[in-house]
Amino acid sequence: MTAETDGRRAKGERRRRAILDATLRVVERDGIAGTSHRAIAREAGVPAASISYYFAGIDELLVATLLESVDLLVADIGRMRARTPPDAGAWARTIAENLALLVDGRRARTIAEYELYLLAARRPALRPAARRWIEVAAGQADRRLDVPPELVTAFFAAVDGLLMQALIADEPPGAADFEPVLRFLLRPLGAEVR
């Protein structure tokens, strides 16, 4: 492989990345209804035809954007796991801090990700991507816990509900608001949450 080929491949990957990042920004700003090839191309600073070059259609682009968001959430979970001692109290604090960041510091991005997540109810092509973060996160928890899988499922469903309620609150809750609820939710999972 020549340096020229590597350069074109790197340029193509940068353009693809710019399109994905622009898609999330458009969804953040305009919602799903404002998402079009033209709006994304304008946001990314690329010709509209380049979107069709990298993605077969808008659903494929939205799936790729949602999967990218899932990868970021999974990386967040990995960082949380690396810095958190293996006890439920520490986990409650860490998760509470992360939820507070999602509803305040990353509010627009969180709303955009939930819009994509909920769009999967109407567009079957997005469903595997929407389920992926739950499957990956639950899979990590299942490897560390000796509890029935339905408890892990219930925990993630409750966290989804907490986030949705927080996003519609007049004042976003802080970590101190989330922590007691998370302590309660983590209790059935056992004191040792690795």
Protein backbone atom coordinates (compact mmCIF):
# COMPACT_ATOMS: atom_id res chain seq x y z
CA MET A 1 0.00 0.00 0.00
CA THR A 2 1.42 3.37 -0.98
CA ALA A 3 1.52 6.55 1.05
CA GLU A 4 -0.90 8.07 -1.46
CA THR A 5 -3.43 5.28 -0.84
CA ASP A 6 -2.99 5.63 2.93
CA GLY A 7 -3.49 9.39 2.59
CA ARG A 8 -6.71 8.95 0.63
CA ARG A 9 -7.96 6.39 3.12
CA ALA A 10 -7.18 8.73 6.04
CA LYS A 11 -8.88 11.62 4.24
CA GLY A 12 -11.93 9.43 3.61
CA GLU A 13 -12.08 8.41 7.26
CA ARG A 14 -11.82 12.07 8.34
CA ARG A 15 -14.68 12.98 6.00
CA ARG A 16 -16.81 10.07 7.25
CA ARG A 17 -16.09 11.13 10.84
CA ALA A 18 -17.02 14.74 10.00
CA ILE A 19 -20.34 13.53 8.58
CA LEU A 20 -21.12 11.47 11.70
CA ASP A 21 -20.21 14.34 14.03
CA ALA A 22 -22.28 16.75 11.94
CA THR A 23 -25.26 14.40 12.03
CA LEU A 24 -25.28 14.40 15.82
CA ARG A 25 -24.92 18.20 15.89
CA VAL A 26 -27.87 18.58 13.49
CA VAL A 27 -29.98 16.24 15.63
CA GLU A 28 -28.89 18.20 18.75
CA ARG A 29 -29.87 21.51 17.18
CA ASP A 30 -32.83 20.67 14.95
CA GLY A 31 -34.09 17.28 16.13
CA ILE A 32 -34.73 14.27 13.93
CA ALA A 33 -37.23 16.27 11.85
CA GLY A 34 -34.44 18.66 10.79
CA THR A 35 -32.09 15.88 9.74
CA SER A 36 -31.52 15.78 5.99
CA HIS A 37 -28.61 15.12 3.65
CA ARG A 38 -28.43 18.80 2.81
CA ALA A 39 -28.45 19.97 6.46
CA ILE A 40 -25.79 17.43 7.43
CA ALA A 41 -23.58 18.28 4.44
CA ARG A 42 -23.80 21.98 5.28
CA GLU A 43 -22.93 21.28 8.92
CA ALA A 44 -20.01 19.00 7.96
CA GLY A 45 -18.72 21.35 5.27
CA VAL A 46 -18.79 18.61 2.64
CA PRO A 47 -20.63 18.22 -0.68
CA ALA A 48 -24.05 16.59 -0.23
CA ALA A 49 -23.05 13.82 -2.64
CA SER A 50 -20.30 12.69 -0.27
CA ILE A 51 -22.93 11.63 2.26
CA SER A 52 -24.38 9.20 -0.27
CA TYR A 53 -20.86 7.96 -1.00
CA TYR A 54 -20.34 6.90 2.64
CA PHE A 55 -23.92 6.01 3.65
CA ALA A 56 -26.58 4.27 1.52
CA GLY A 57 -29.41 6.29 3.03
CA ILE A 58 -30.47 8.41 5.97
CA ASP A 59 -31.30 5.34 8.08
CA GLU A 60 -27.80 3.95 7.58
CA LEU A 61 -26.36 7.32 8.58
CA LEU A 62 -28.56 7.49 11.68
CA VAL A 63 -27.61 3.91 12.63
CA ALA A 64 -23.90 4.78 12.31
CA THR A 65 -24.42 7.94 14.40
CA LEU A 66 -26.27 6.00 17.08
CA LEU A 67 -23.59 3.30 17.14
CA GLU A 68 -20.96 6.02 17.52
CA SER A 69 -22.87 7.38 20.51
CA VAL A 70 -23.11 3.87 21.96
CA ASP A 71 -19.34 3.51 21.67
CA LEU A 72 -18.92 6.76 23.61
CA LEU A 73 -21.30 5.55 26.33
CA VAL A 74 -19.47 2.23 26.57
CA ALA A 75 -16.17 4.12 26.88
CA ASP A 76 -17.74 6.22 29.67
CA ILE A 77 -18.70 3.02 31.49
CA GLY A 78 -15.14 1.74 31.10
CA ARG A 79 -13.68 4.95 32.55
CA MET A 80 -16.19 4.85 35.41
CA ARG A 81 -15.25 1.24 36.17
CA ALA A 82 -11.54 2.05 36.14
CA ARG A 83 -11.85 4.87 38.69
CA THR A 84 -14.51 3.42 41.01
CA PRO A 85 -13.81 1.19 44.02
CA PRO A 86 -15.83 -2.05 44.02
CA ASP A 87 -18.57 -1.06 46.45
CA ALA A 88 -22.14 0.03 45.85
CA GLY A 89 -21.71 3.41 47.59
CA ALA A 90 -18.83 4.40 45.36
CA TRP A 91 -20.74 3.21 42.30
CA ALA A 92 -23.81 5.20 43.30
CA ARG A 93 -21.66 8.35 43.53
CA THR A 94 -19.88 7.70 40.23
CA ILE A 95 -23.06 6.94 38.31
CA ALA A 96 -24.81 9.96 39.90
CA GLU A 97 -21.97 12.24 38.78
CA ASN A 98 -22.15 10.82 35.25
CA LEU A 99 -25.94 11.25 35.07
CA ALA A 100 -25.62 14.84 36.28
CA LEU A 101 -23.09 15.48 33.51
CA LEU A 102 -25.41 13.92 30.91
CA VAL A 103 -28.39 16.11 31.87
CA ASP A 104 -26.52 19.36 32.39
CA GLY A 105 -23.07 19.47 30.80
CA ARG A 106 -23.99 17.28 27.82
CA ARG A 107 -27.72 18.01 27.74
CA ALA A 108 -28.09 18.66 23.99
CA ARG A 109 -26.08 15.56 23.11
CA THR A 110 -28.10 13.41 25.55
CA ILE A 111 -31.38 14.65 24.08
CA ALA A 112 -30.09 13.93 20.56
CA GLU A 113 -29.03 10.42 21.57
CA TYR A 114 -32.44 9.77 23.12
CA GLU A 115 -34.14 11.05 19.96
CA LEU A 116 -32.13 8.54 17.94
CA TYR A 117 -32.83 5.85 20.53
CA LEU A 118 -36.59 6.50 20.42
CA LEU A 119 -36.62 6.72 16.62
CA ALA A 120 -35.82 3.00 16.66
CA ALA A 121 -39.41 2.38 17.75
CA ARG A 122 -40.52 3.68 14.33
CA ARG A 123 -37.56 2.61 12.19
CA PRO A 124 -36.59 -1.05 12.56
CA ALA A 125 -33.18 -0.41 10.97
CA LEU A 126 -32.15 1.48 14.10
CA ARG A 127 -33.29 -1.13 16.62
CA PRO A 128 -30.09 -3.21 16.79
CA ALA A 129 -28.06 -0.03 17.34
CA ALA A 130 -30.50 1.21 20.00
CA ARG A 131 -30.31 -2.11 21.87
CA ARG A 132 -26.54 -2.35 21.63
CA TRP A 133 -25.69 -0.05 24.53
CA ILE A 134 -28.00 -1.93 26.87
CA GLU A 135 -26.60 -5.27 25.75
CA VAL A 136 -22.99 -4.13 26.14
CA ALA A 137 -23.55 -2.42 29.49
CA ALA A 138 -25.63 -5.31 30.84
CA GLY A 139 -23.01 -7.75 29.57
CA GLN A 140 -20.30 -5.94 31.52
CA ALA A 141 -22.45 -5.96 34.65
CA ASP A 142 -23.38 -9.64 34.21
CA ARG A 143 -19.69 -10.61 34.14
CA ARG A 144 -19.08 -8.87 37.46
CA LEU A 145 -22.23 -9.73 39.38
CA ASP A 146 -23.77 -12.94 40.57
CA VAL A 147 -27.36 -11.75 40.23
CA PRO A 148 -30.24 -12.70 37.97
CA PRO A 149 -30.11 -10.89 34.59
CA GLU A 150 -33.56 -9.39 35.19
CA LEU A 151 -32.11 -7.31 38.05
CA VAL A 152 -29.51 -5.87 35.69
CA THR A 153 -32.23 -5.19 33.11
CA ALA A 154 -34.36 -3.47 35.75
CA PHE A 155 -31.41 -1.31 36.83
CA PHE A 156 -30.74 -0.06 33.28
CA ALA A 157 -34.44 0.53 32.67
CA ALA A 158 -34.57 2.61 35.85
CA VAL A 159 -31.51 4.64 34.79
CA ASP A 160 -33.18 5.32 31.43
CA GLY A 161 -36.26 6.52 33.30
CA LEU A 162 -34.17 8.73 35.60
CA LEU A 163 -32.50 10.34 32.59
CA MET A 164 -35.79 10.95 30.80
CA GLN A 165 -37.32 12.54 33.91
CA ALA A 166 -34.20 14.66 34.43
CA LEU A 167 -34.28 15.91 30.83
CA ILE A 168 -37.81 17.27 31.24
CA ALA A 169 -37.20 18.81 34.67
CA ASP A 170 -37.25 22.61 34.89
CA GLU A 171 -33.95 22.48 36.79
CA PRO A 172 -31.61 19.60 35.94
CA PRO A 173 -30.95 17.41 38.97
CA GLY A 174 -27.42 17.18 40.27
CA ALA A 175 -25.39 14.23 41.49
CA ALA A 176 -26.73 14.71 45.03
CA ASP A 177 -30.27 14.26 43.68
CA PHE A 178 -29.43 11.07 41.78
CA GLU A 179 -27.26 9.39 44.39
CA PRO A 180 -29.93 8.25 46.91
CA VAL A 181 -32.03 6.76 44.11
CA LEU A 182 -29.00 4.97 42.70
CA ARG A 183 -28.07 3.60 46.14
CA PHE A 184 -31.57 2.13 46.33
CA LEU A 185 -31.37 0.70 42.80
CA LEU A 186 -27.94 -0.82 43.38
CA ARG A 187 -28.95 -2.53 46.63
CA PRO A 188 -30.44 -5.64 44.95
CA LEU A 189 -27.31 -5.99 42.84
CA GLY A 190 -25.22 -6.58 45.97
CA ALA A 191 -22.71 -4.55 47.94
CA GLU A 192 -19.83 -5.60 45.73
CA VAL A 193 -20.42 -4.05 42.33
CA ARG A 194 -17.24 -4.69 40.36
